[in-house]
Protein backbone atom coordinates (compact mmCIF):
# COMPACT_ATOMS: atom_id res chain seq x y z
CA MET A 1 52.98 72.58 21.65
CA LYS A 2 52.79 70.69 18.36
CA TYR A 3 52.26 67.45 20.30
CA LYS A 4 49.40 69.01 22.31
CA ASN A 5 47.67 70.21 19.11
CA LEU A 6 48.00 66.72 17.62
CA CYS A 7 46.41 65.16 20.71
CA ALA A 8 43.59 67.72 20.68
CA ASN A 9 42.81 67.00 17.04
CA PHE A 10 42.83 63.26 17.67
CA CYS A 11 40.41 63.60 20.60
CA PHE A 12 38.11 65.82 18.49
CA CYS A 13 37.98 63.15 15.75
CA ILE A 14 37.18 60.42 18.24
CA THR A 15 34.37 62.51 19.75
CA LEU A 16 32.91 63.28 16.31
CA ILE A 17 32.90 59.59 15.34
CA SER A 18 31.21 58.66 18.62
CA ILE A 19 28.46 61.25 18.10
CA ILE A 20 27.78 60.01 14.58
CA GLY A 21 27.77 56.36 15.75
CA CYS A 22 25.20 57.10 18.43
CA LYS A 23 22.60 58.08 15.81
CA GLN A 24 20.19 55.20 15.30
CA THR A 25 17.77 54.60 12.50
CA PRO A 26 14.30 54.05 13.98
CA THR A 27 13.09 50.44 13.60
CA GLN A 28 9.76 49.95 11.87
CA SER A 29 8.05 46.60 12.43
CA ALA A 30 6.33 45.08 9.43
CA SER A 31 2.58 44.71 9.62
CA HIS A 32 0.80 41.39 9.03
CA GLN A 33 -0.25 42.56 5.55
CA ASP A 34 3.30 43.68 4.73
CA VAL A 35 4.59 40.19 5.46
CA LEU A 36 2.04 38.61 3.12
CA ASN A 37 2.48 41.21 0.39
CA ASP A 38 6.18 40.43 0.39
CA LEU A 39 5.32 36.99 -0.99
CA LEU A 40 3.47 38.56 -3.92
CA THR A 41 6.17 41.05 -4.86
CA GLN A 42 8.66 39.79 -7.41
CA LYS A 43 11.84 41.58 -6.39
CA ILE A 44 14.19 42.60 -9.22
CA PHE A 45 17.86 42.68 -8.36
CA LYS A 46 20.44 44.52 -10.41
CA PRO A 47 23.30 42.34 -11.60
CA VAL A 48 26.39 42.61 -9.43
CA PRO A 49 29.84 42.73 -11.01
CA GLU A 50 31.46 39.32 -10.87
CA VAL A 51 34.49 40.55 -8.91
CA ILE A 52 32.23 41.95 -6.16
CA GLU A 53 30.01 38.86 -6.11
CA ARG A 54 32.97 36.66 -5.32
CA VAL A 55 33.72 38.86 -2.31
CA VAL A 56 30.26 39.31 -0.81
CA LYS A 57 28.57 36.03 -1.78
CA PRO A 58 27.63 34.37 1.53
CA GLU A 59 28.38 30.75 2.27
CA PRO A 60 25.36 28.42 2.54
CA GLU A 61 24.01 28.43 6.05
CA PRO A 62 24.82 25.10 7.75
CA LEU A 63 22.14 23.01 9.41
CA LYS A 64 21.58 24.37 12.90
CA PRO A 65 23.04 21.94 15.45
CA TYR A 66 20.69 23.17 18.17
CA LYS A 67 17.98 20.68 19.03
CA ALA A 68 14.85 22.52 20.12
CA PRO A 69 12.80 20.95 22.93
CA ASP A 70 9.71 21.13 20.68
CA ILE A 71 9.69 19.06 17.47
CA TRP A 72 7.79 21.70 15.46
CA GLN A 73 10.19 24.38 16.60
CA HIS A 74 13.07 22.11 15.60
CA ILE A 75 11.55 21.62 12.13
CA ALA A 76 10.88 25.36 11.70
CA GLN A 77 14.46 26.25 12.63
CA ASN A 78 15.88 23.88 10.02
CA LEU A 79 13.66 24.49 6.98
CA SER A 80 15.85 25.36 4.02
CA PHE A 81 13.84 25.40 0.76
CA GLU A 82 13.97 28.54 -1.34
CA GLN A 83 11.07 30.96 -0.78
CA THR A 84 10.68 32.76 -4.13
CA PRO A 85 7.87 35.36 -4.07
CA HIS A 86 5.03 34.28 -6.36
CA PRO A 87 1.24 34.87 -6.55
CA ARG A 88 0.52 31.10 -6.32
CA LEU A 89 2.52 30.95 -3.10
CA LYS A 90 0.54 33.84 -1.60
CA THR A 91 -2.72 32.11 -2.60
CA ARG A 92 -1.73 29.02 -0.60
CA VAL A 93 -0.58 31.14 2.35
CA ASP A 94 -3.98 32.85 2.40
CA TRP A 95 -5.68 29.45 2.27
CA TYR A 96 -3.75 28.17 5.30
CA LEU A 97 -4.39 31.43 7.18
CA SER A 98 -8.12 30.98 6.59
CA GLN A 99 -7.75 27.75 8.62
CA PRO A 100 -5.30 28.83 11.35
CA GLU A 101 -5.86 25.63 13.38
CA TYR A 102 -5.19 23.28 10.45
CA LEU A 103 -1.83 22.10 11.76
CA LEU A 104 -3.22 21.61 15.28
CA THR A 105 -5.76 19.17 13.84
CA VAL A 106 -3.46 17.11 11.63
CA ASN A 107 -0.77 17.09 14.32
CA ARG A 108 -2.98 14.82 16.42
CA ARG A 109 -2.73 12.17 13.71
CA ALA A 110 1.00 12.75 13.17
CA SER A 111 2.19 12.96 16.78
CA PRO A 112 2.98 9.23 17.30
CA TYR A 113 5.18 9.18 14.17
CA LEU A 114 6.63 12.65 13.60
CA TYR A 115 9.69 12.24 15.84
CA HIS A 116 10.66 9.04 14.02
CA ILE A 117 10.11 10.61 10.58
CA VAL A 118 12.32 13.59 11.48
CA LYS A 119 15.07 11.24 12.69
CA LYS A 120 14.91 9.18 9.49
CA ILE A 121 15.26 12.36 7.41
CA GLU A 122 18.19 13.62 9.50
CA GLN A 123 19.95 10.26 9.37
CA ARG A 124 19.92 10.49 5.55
CA ASN A 125 21.12 14.13 5.69
CA LEU A 126 18.04 15.31 3.79
CA PRO A 127 16.27 18.69 4.19
CA LEU A 128 13.70 18.73 6.98
CA ASP A 129 11.22 20.36 4.60
CA LEU A 130 10.47 16.79 3.48
CA ALA A 131 8.85 16.14 6.87
CA LEU A 132 5.98 18.38 5.70
CA LEU A 133 5.21 16.29 2.59
CA PRO A 134 2.83 13.81 4.33
CA PHE A 135 0.73 16.80 5.43
CA VAL A 136 0.61 18.14 1.88
CA GLU A 137 0.03 14.69 0.35
CA SER A 138 -2.69 13.31 2.62
CA ASP A 139 -3.24 15.58 5.63
CA PHE A 140 -1.36 12.77 7.38
CA ARG A 141 -4.10 10.16 6.91
CA PRO A 142 -2.59 6.62 6.94
CA LEU A 143 -5.73 5.19 5.30
CA ALA A 144 -6.00 7.82 2.55
CA VAL A 145 -6.57 6.48 -0.99
CA SER A 146 -6.44 8.78 -4.03
CA GLN A 147 -8.36 8.44 -7.30
CA GLN A 148 -5.12 7.08 -8.82
CA SER A 149 -4.99 4.41 -6.05
CA ALA A 150 -2.09 6.06 -4.24
CA VAL A 151 -2.20 4.93 -0.61
CA GLY A 152 -1.06 6.13 2.81
CA VAL A 153 0.41 9.30 4.27
CA TRP A 154 3.04 9.42 1.50
CA GLN A 155 0.51 8.51 -1.24
CA LEU A 156 2.57 5.77 -2.86
CA VAL A 157 1.24 3.89 -5.88
CA ASP A 158 1.73 0.15 -6.00
CA ALA A 159 4.51 0.28 -8.63
CA THR A 160 6.63 2.67 -6.56
CA ALA A 161 6.04 0.75 -3.34
CA TYR A 162 7.02 -2.51 -5.04
CA HIS A 163 10.25 -1.12 -6.49
CA PHE A 164 11.31 0.32 -3.14
CA GLY A 165 10.81 -2.89 -1.19
CA LEU A 166 7.37 -2.47 0.44
CA GLN A 167 5.39 -5.65 0.89
CA SER A 168 1.72 -5.87 -0.05
CA ASN A 169 -0.54 -8.89 0.39
CA ASP A 170 -3.82 -9.94 2.00
CA TRP A 171 -2.33 -9.52 5.47
CA TYR A 172 -0.14 -6.42 5.22
CA ASP A 173 0.13 -3.31 3.05
CA GLY A 174 3.41 -1.46 3.54
CA ARG A 175 2.00 1.73 1.97
CA ARG A 176 -0.31 2.07 4.99
CA ASP A 177 2.55 1.44 7.42
CA VAL A 178 3.61 5.01 8.26
CA LEU A 179 7.26 4.34 9.11
CA ALA A 180 7.89 1.62 6.51
CA SER A 181 6.40 3.84 3.79
CA THR A 182 8.56 6.72 5.05
CA ASP A 183 11.68 4.68 4.25
CA ALA A 184 10.38 3.92 0.74
CA ALA A 185 9.29 7.52 0.08
CA LEU A 186 12.63 8.95 1.20
CA SER A 187 14.49 6.48 -1.03
CA TYR A 188 12.30 7.50 -3.97
CA LEU A 189 12.88 11.20 -3.25
CA GLN A 190 16.64 10.63 -3.07
CA TYR A 191 16.49 8.91 -6.46
CA LEU A 192 14.52 11.83 -7.95
CA HIS A 193 16.87 14.39 -6.36
CA LYS A 194 19.80 12.69 -8.06
CA THR A 195 17.88 12.37 -11.34
CA PHE A 196 17.14 16.11 -11.40
CA LYS A 197 20.75 17.02 -10.55
CA GLY A 198 20.12 18.27 -7.02
CA ASN A 199 17.03 20.40 -7.74
CA TRP A 200 14.60 19.64 -4.92
CA LEU A 201 11.62 21.51 -6.41
CA HIS A 202 11.90 19.51 -9.63
CA ALA A 203 12.31 16.28 -7.64
CA ILE A 204 9.24 16.93 -5.48
CA ALA A 205 7.17 17.92 -8.52
CA ALA A 206 8.20 14.61 -10.11
CA TYR A 207 7.21 12.78 -6.92
CA ASN A 208 3.72 14.17 -7.43
CA THR A 209 3.22 13.91 -11.20
CA GLY A 210 5.98 11.59 -12.49
CA GLU A 211 9.49 12.34 -13.65
CA GLY A 212 8.54 12.12 -17.34
CA ARG A 213 6.16 15.09 -17.18
CA VAL A 214 8.71 17.21 -15.33
CA LYS A 215 11.50 16.26 -17.74
CA ALA A 216 9.26 17.08 -20.71
CA ALA A 217 8.34 20.48 -19.21
CA ILE A 218 12.01 21.29 -18.60
CA LYS A 219 12.89 20.26 -22.15
CA ARG A 220 10.13 22.45 -23.64
CA ASN A 221 11.30 25.51 -21.71
CA ARG A 222 14.93 24.90 -22.56
CA GLU A 223 14.18 24.60 -26.27
CA ALA A 224 12.08 27.78 -26.12
CA GLY A 225 14.86 29.67 -24.35
CA LYS A 226 12.77 30.04 -21.18
CA SER A 227 13.76 29.57 -17.56
CA THR A 228 13.58 25.99 -16.25
CA HIS A 229 12.84 27.12 -12.69
CA TYR A 230 9.84 25.31 -11.21
CA TRP A 231 7.65 28.45 -11.29
CA HIS A 232 8.14 28.72 -15.08
CA LEU A 233 7.27 25.09 -15.91
CA LYS A 234 3.91 24.17 -17.43
CA LEU A 235 2.64 21.29 -15.30
CA PRO A 236 -0.77 19.78 -14.46
CA LYS A 237 -2.87 21.95 -12.11
CA GLU A 238 -2.53 19.51 -9.20
CA THR A 239 1.26 19.69 -9.42
CA ALA A 240 1.19 23.45 -10.03
CA ASP A 241 -0.56 23.77 -6.64
CA TYR A 242 1.50 21.04 -4.95
CA ILE A 243 4.81 22.86 -4.47
CA PRO A 244 3.10 26.12 -3.34
CA LYS A 245 1.26 24.15 -0.63
CA LEU A 246 4.56 22.81 0.68
CA LEU A 247 6.37 26.16 0.50
CA ALA A 248 3.43 28.01 2.08
CA LEU A 249 3.37 25.62 5.01
CA SER A 250 7.13 26.02 5.37
CA TYR A 251 6.84 29.82 5.23
CA LEU A 252 4.12 29.96 7.91
CA LEU A 253 6.07 27.67 10.24
CA LYS A 254 9.01 30.05 10.02
CA HIS A 255 6.81 33.15 10.49
CA PRO A 256 4.46 32.52 13.45
CA GLN A 257 3.74 36.28 13.58
CA THR A 258 1.32 35.72 10.69
CA GLY A 259 -1.17 34.15 13.12
CA PHE A 260 -0.81 30.59 11.87
CA LYS A 261 -0.93 28.31 14.93
CA ARG A 262 2.00 25.97 15.42
CA PRO A 263 1.40 22.83 17.53
CA ASN A 264 3.35 21.99 20.67
CA LEU A 265 4.92 18.52 20.60
CA ASN A 266 7.85 17.34 22.69
CA ASN A 267 10.98 16.50 20.73
CA THR A 268 11.10 13.05 22.33
CA PRO A 269 9.58 9.78 21.11
CA SER A 270 6.21 8.80 22.58
CA THR A 271 6.25 5.49 20.70
CA THR A 272 8.86 2.77 20.19
CA MET A 273 9.40 0.27 17.39
CA LEU A 274 9.45 -3.30 18.75
CA ASP A 275 10.87 -6.13 16.64
CA VAL A 276 8.86 -9.07 17.97
CA GLY A 277 11.01 -11.55 16.02
CA GLN A 278 8.11 -13.89 15.23
CA ALA A 279 4.49 -13.84 14.08
CA PHE A 280 2.19 -12.25 16.64
CA ASN A 281 -1.48 -11.75 17.37
CA PHE A 282 -2.64 -8.23 18.24
CA GLY A 283 -4.86 -9.46 21.06
CA VAL A 284 -2.09 -11.54 22.66
CA LEU A 285 0.49 -8.76 22.31
CA ALA A 286 -1.84 -6.05 23.64
CA LYS A 287 -2.70 -8.15 26.68
CA LEU A 288 0.94 -8.89 27.48
CA LEU A 289 1.88 -5.21 27.05
CA ASP A 290 -1.17 -4.12 29.07
CA ILE A 291 -2.32 -1.71 26.38
CA ASP A 292 -5.54 -1.35 24.40
CA LYS A 293 -5.72 -3.63 21.35
CA GLN A 294 -7.50 -1.02 19.22
CA GLN A 295 -4.79 1.52 20.03
CA LEU A 296 -2.22 -1.00 18.80
CA HIS A 297 -4.20 -1.44 15.56
CA ASP A 298 -4.54 2.33 15.10
CA LEU A 299 -0.77 2.79 15.36
CA ASN A 300 -0.03 -0.03 12.92
CA THR A 301 -2.45 0.45 10.05
CA GLY A 302 -0.25 -1.56 7.68
CA PHE A 303 -1.48 -4.79 9.28
CA LEU A 304 -4.84 -5.69 7.78
CA ARG A 305 -5.85 -8.48 10.19
CA HIS A 306 -5.60 -9.44 13.82
CA GLN A 307 -2.39 -11.35 13.21
CA SER A 308 0.87 -10.54 11.44
CA PRO A 309 1.91 -12.61 8.40
CA GLU A 310 3.94 -15.70 9.25
CA GLN A 311 6.72 -14.53 6.91
CA GLY A 312 6.76 -11.01 8.37
CA PRO A 313 7.13 -8.17 8.85
CA HIS A 314 7.16 -8.62 12.61
CA LYS A 315 7.95 -5.05 13.67
CA ILE A 316 5.25 -3.11 15.46
CA LEU A 317 4.98 0.41 16.90
CA VAL A 318 3.91 0.42 20.55
CA PRO A 319 2.58 3.44 22.52
CA LEU A 320 5.38 3.33 25.08
CA SER A 321 8.69 5.13 25.45
CA GLU A 322 11.76 2.97 24.99
CA LYS A 323 12.47 3.09 28.72
CA ALA A 324 8.91 2.15 29.68
CA LEU A 325 8.89 -0.71 27.16
CA MET A 326 12.23 -2.19 28.24
CA GLN A 327 11.32 -2.02 31.92
CA SER A 328 7.90 -3.62 31.42
CA PRO A 329 7.38 -7.17 32.79
CA PHE A 330 6.50 -8.40 29.30
CA TYR A 331 9.78 -7.20 27.78
CA ARG A 332 11.86 -8.56 30.64
CA GLU A 333 10.25 -11.98 30.24
CA GLN A 334 9.99 -12.17 26.45
CA PHE A 335 13.03 -10.20 25.29
CA SER A 336 15.77 -10.65 27.88
CA ARG A 337 18.15 -13.19 29.31
CA SER A 338 20.45 -13.21 32.32
CA TYR A 339 24.21 -12.69 32.18
CA ASN A 340 26.71 -12.90 35.06
CA VAL A 341 29.46 -10.29 34.87
CA LYS A 342 32.97 -11.77 34.66
CA LEU A 343 36.41 -10.34 35.39
CA ASN A 344 37.49 -7.67 32.86
CA ASP A 345 33.93 -7.35 31.47
CA THR A 346 32.71 -3.90 30.37
CA LEU A 347 29.26 -2.79 29.30
CA TYR A 348 30.64 -1.99 25.85
CA GLY A 349 32.17 -5.47 25.51
CA ILE A 350 28.99 -7.18 26.71
CA ALA A 351 26.90 -5.11 24.29
CA ARG A 352 29.14 -6.13 21.37
CA GLN A 353 29.03 -9.77 22.44
CA PHE A 354 25.22 -9.88 22.34
CA GLY A 355 24.69 -7.49 19.44
CA THR A 356 22.98 -4.80 21.48
CA SER A 357 23.91 -1.36 22.81
CA VAL A 358 25.15 0.03 26.14
CA LYS A 359 22.10 2.30 26.25
CA LYS A 360 19.69 -0.66 26.03
CA ILE A 361 21.53 -2.64 28.70
CA LYS A 362 21.42 0.37 31.03
CA LEU A 363 17.70 0.92 30.37
CA LEU A 364 16.88 -2.74 30.92
CA ASN A 365 18.76 -2.79 34.22
CA ASN A 366 17.81 0.74 35.30
CA LYS A 367 21.48 1.72 35.61
CA GLN A 368 22.62 5.35 35.70
CA SER A 369 26.35 4.72 35.16
CA ASN A 370 28.59 2.29 33.26
CA LEU A 371 29.99 0.72 36.44
CA ILE A 372 29.46 -3.04 36.82
CA ARG A 373 30.70 -5.54 39.44
CA VAL A 374 32.10 -9.03 38.99
CA GLY A 375 29.32 -11.50 39.80
CA GLU A 376 26.56 -8.98 39.12
CA THR A 377 23.61 -10.35 37.13
CA LEU A 378 22.55 -8.24 34.17
CA LEU A 379 19.53 -8.57 31.90
CA ILE A 380 20.51 -8.55 28.21
CA ASN A 381 17.86 -7.85 25.57
CA GLN A 382 17.50 -11.00 23.51
CA ALA A 383 14.24 -12.38 22.10
CA ASN A 384 12.80 -15.57 23.60
CA LEU A 385 11.32 -17.33 20.58
CA ASP A 386 10.20 -20.40 22.54
CA ARG A 387 7.01 -18.65 23.61
CA SER A 388 4.38 -18.32 20.88
CA LEU A 389 2.59 -14.99 20.51
CA THR A 390 -0.02 -16.24 18.05
CA VAL A 391 -3.44 -17.88 18.26
CA ASP A 392 -4.05 -21.47 17.20
CA TYR A 393 -6.15 -20.82 14.13
CA GLN A 394 -7.15 -24.48 13.82
CA ILE A 395 -9.64 -23.76 16.63
CA SER A 396 -11.49 -21.38 14.31
CA PRO A 397 -11.30 -22.27 10.59
CA TYR A 398 -12.79 -18.83 9.83
CA LEU A 399 -9.55 -17.29 11.07
CA GLU A 400 -7.21 -19.86 9.56
CA GLN A 401 -4.40 -18.20 7.63
CA GLN A 402 -3.97 -19.43 4.10
CA ALA A 403 -0.40 -19.88 2.93
CA ILE A 404 0.44 -17.73 -0.09
CA PRO A 405 1.78 -20.00 -2.83
CA LYS A 406 5.14 -19.02 -4.28
CA LYS A 407 5.22 -18.28 -7.98
CA PRO A 408 7.53 -20.53 -10.03
CA THR A 409 10.61 -18.76 -11.39
CA ILE A 410 13.47 -19.52 -13.74
CA GLU A 411 17.06 -18.41 -13.33
CA HIS A 412 18.19 -15.90 -15.94
CA HIS A 413 21.74 -14.60 -16.48
CA HIS A 414 22.46 -11.04 -17.57
CA THR A 415 25.94 -10.08 -18.77
CA ILE A 416 26.78 -6.52 -17.77
CA VAL A 417 27.65 -4.11 -20.57
CA SER A 418 29.04 -0.59 -20.34
CA GLY A 419 26.39 1.83 -19.09
CA ASP A 420 24.38 -0.72 -17.11
CA SER A 421 23.25 0.23 -13.63
CA LEU A 422 21.48 -1.78 -10.95
CA TRP A 423 18.54 0.59 -11.03
CA ASP A 424 18.15 0.41 -14.83
CA LEU A 425 18.35 -3.39 -14.75
CA SER A 426 15.69 -3.65 -12.02
CA GLN A 427 13.41 -1.51 -14.20
CA HIS A 428 14.25 -3.44 -17.38
CA TYR A 429 13.45 -6.85 -15.89
CA GLN A 430 10.66 -5.50 -13.65
CA VAL A 431 12.07 -6.92 -10.43
CA PRO A 432 12.55 -5.11 -7.09
CA LEU A 433 15.99 -3.57 -6.71
CA LYS A 434 16.23 -5.16 -3.27
CA ASP A 435 15.78 -8.65 -4.79
CA LEU A 436 18.40 -7.95 -7.46
CA LEU A 437 20.88 -6.95 -4.74
CA ASP A 438 20.07 -10.00 -2.59
CA TRP A 439 20.37 -12.46 -5.50
CA ASN A 440 23.87 -11.22 -6.31
CA ASN A 441 25.12 -10.30 -2.82
CA LEU A 442 25.53 -6.65 -3.84
CA GLN A 443 25.06 -3.27 -2.19
CA ALA A 444 23.16 -0.36 -3.72
CA ALA A 445 26.47 1.46 -4.26
CA SER A 446 28.24 -1.53 -5.83
CA ILE A 447 30.12 -0.81 -9.06
CA LEU A 448 29.22 -3.03 -12.01
CA SER A 449 32.09 -4.28 -14.15
CA PRO A 450 31.39 -5.03 -17.84
CA GLY A 451 31.46 -8.77 -18.48
CA LYS A 452 30.27 -9.73 -15.00
CA VAL A 453 27.20 -11.98 -14.96
CA LEU A 454 24.20 -11.16 -12.76
CA ILE A 455 21.63 -13.74 -11.68
CA LEU A 456 17.91 -12.92 -11.87
CA HIS A 457 14.91 -15.03 -10.91
CA LEU A 458 12.10 -14.24 -13.34
CA PRO A 459 8.55 -15.63 -13.50
CA SER A 460 8.64 -18.86 -15.48
CA GLN A 461 5.58 -17.99 -17.58
CA ALA A 462 7.24 -14.87 -18.95
CA ASN A 463 10.17 -14.93 -21.32
CA PRO A 464 13.11 -12.87 -20.12
CA GLN A 465 13.75 -9.63 -21.96
CA PRO A 466 16.65 -9.57 -24.44
CA GLU A 467 19.94 -8.37 -23.07
CA THR A 468 20.05 -5.29 -25.26
CA HIS A 469 21.08 -2.21 -23.33
CA ALA A 470 18.25 0.31 -23.45
CA ASN A 471 16.93 3.09 -21.28
CA GLU A 472 13.34 2.64 -22.44
CA PRO A 473 10.86 1.77 -21.18
CA SER A 474 12.03 3.57 -18.05
CA TYR A 475 10.81 3.16 -14.52
CA LEU A 476 8.98 6.40 -15.11
CA ASP A 477 6.91 4.86 -17.91
CA VAL A 478 6.00 1.90 -15.70
CA LEU A 479 5.07 4.21 -12.82
CA GLU A 480 3.06 6.61 -14.97
CA GLY A 481 1.27 3.68 -16.54
CA ALA A 482 0.19 2.61 -13.06
CA LEU A 483 -0.95 6.15 -12.29
CA GLN A 484 -3.10 6.32 -15.41
CA LEU A 485 -4.86 2.96 -14.93
CA LYS A 486 -8.56 3.63 -14.66
CA GLU A 487 -9.34 0.21 -13.24
CA ALA A 488 -6.39 -0.11 -10.85
CA PRO A 489 -6.94 -2.77 -8.20
CA LYS A 490 -8.26 -1.39 -4.94
CA PRO A 491 -5.93 -1.66 -1.92
CA ASN A 492 -6.65 -4.40 0.55
CA GLN A 493 -9.18 -3.37 3.13
CA PRO A 494 -8.80 -4.40 6.76
CA ASN A 495 -10.47 -7.67 7.64
CA LEU A 496 -10.68 -7.83 11.39
CA PRO A 497 -12.94 -10.72 12.46
CA PRO A 498 -13.66 -10.91 16.18
CA ASP A 499 -11.13 -12.72 18.37
């Protein structure tokens, strides 16, 4: 009897719990205005006891491994910057919502490059929010020039471009080269991110206005006992609006229910970078590729004339998929050679032998599997430099390329002292970091040992700086000086005489 009563009580408890669990709280969907008002409301959270915080504090959400079929969807799913409610953020959201087709318009300019930019950001393990910066900086206009003479989609000034390895001369301006300038901009942002101890909002503000102004604003707030969060810093109006523009665009991409229109763009490359391996003429290359010459110019705005510089760069973006390019008659003739498969050969071994990849060999030979037969003839991608892709400019003196004379230099030795860094030395002697690494066969991550001697090649007309270790003037001062020049030289304009 006692056992039966126990069972009855147990069943009653289970039934009661089930009834309570079946009650559901009605779901109320937020209105459009509620979503926007949430950005304006500064939420105040009560402090949580430290012992509880250690228990409930969530781990940072990892980058989503899922690759969306649409590139904009992929970006939206992986945006990670903090969205702190603030009136300035809501102002920018309202501005974008007043132009709901803004992103559809600028996407047409970005579409040939966006896939490559996203890949470059992911390869460096950087936040995908940075892919939105060219839209904030220039509305993705490769030919944009600011009042401070910042150029290109990333709005790089000449001093920054120079220090991060971009070439600039009468024939080519790397700031206008979308993908080359992306590499330089990402390197600069990584430097700023490290400088500001991992704070991305401070780093991006410094990208816009200079690290000195941001450091000074942080110092003022710290000395006054105020918060050093970006929203509390006193910065120039342009920079005060700069971060909200980026965060507003990020917010709207993640919340399509606001009515902001998100473009559709396949998450596959529609263009391919081709390393021609030698100087080339746009007309010759366009004819061999069977594409429009003007389209080739429009994709490669860094080249200012019909022909690439003799000394390079010789890489060009073509409006073809990698598969279409490698299977084109031009590529097979100009960039491939024959190879007869031998006993014990594998695609992987052949790829290593010729410095290529299995994927490229399979594309070039239209192969679906890795199986190969002894005696089979394969095409291997390898440039044929015997065939010229340029025009004989002696026929037309008007088009004749003038050789750029090299400036005389003297060799200077710098003895490393404690505290020296490659970056500080490149700033101190005003030479590109890339050149400093090349002159001394070093890598960017190389450790400098006190007493070691570095070689520098400095202009012969200028006396080398004394070897005193100093942090001033910093790269920031040089960069800000360039920003404040009222008579900064204008960027080279395209000079495209008729063929």
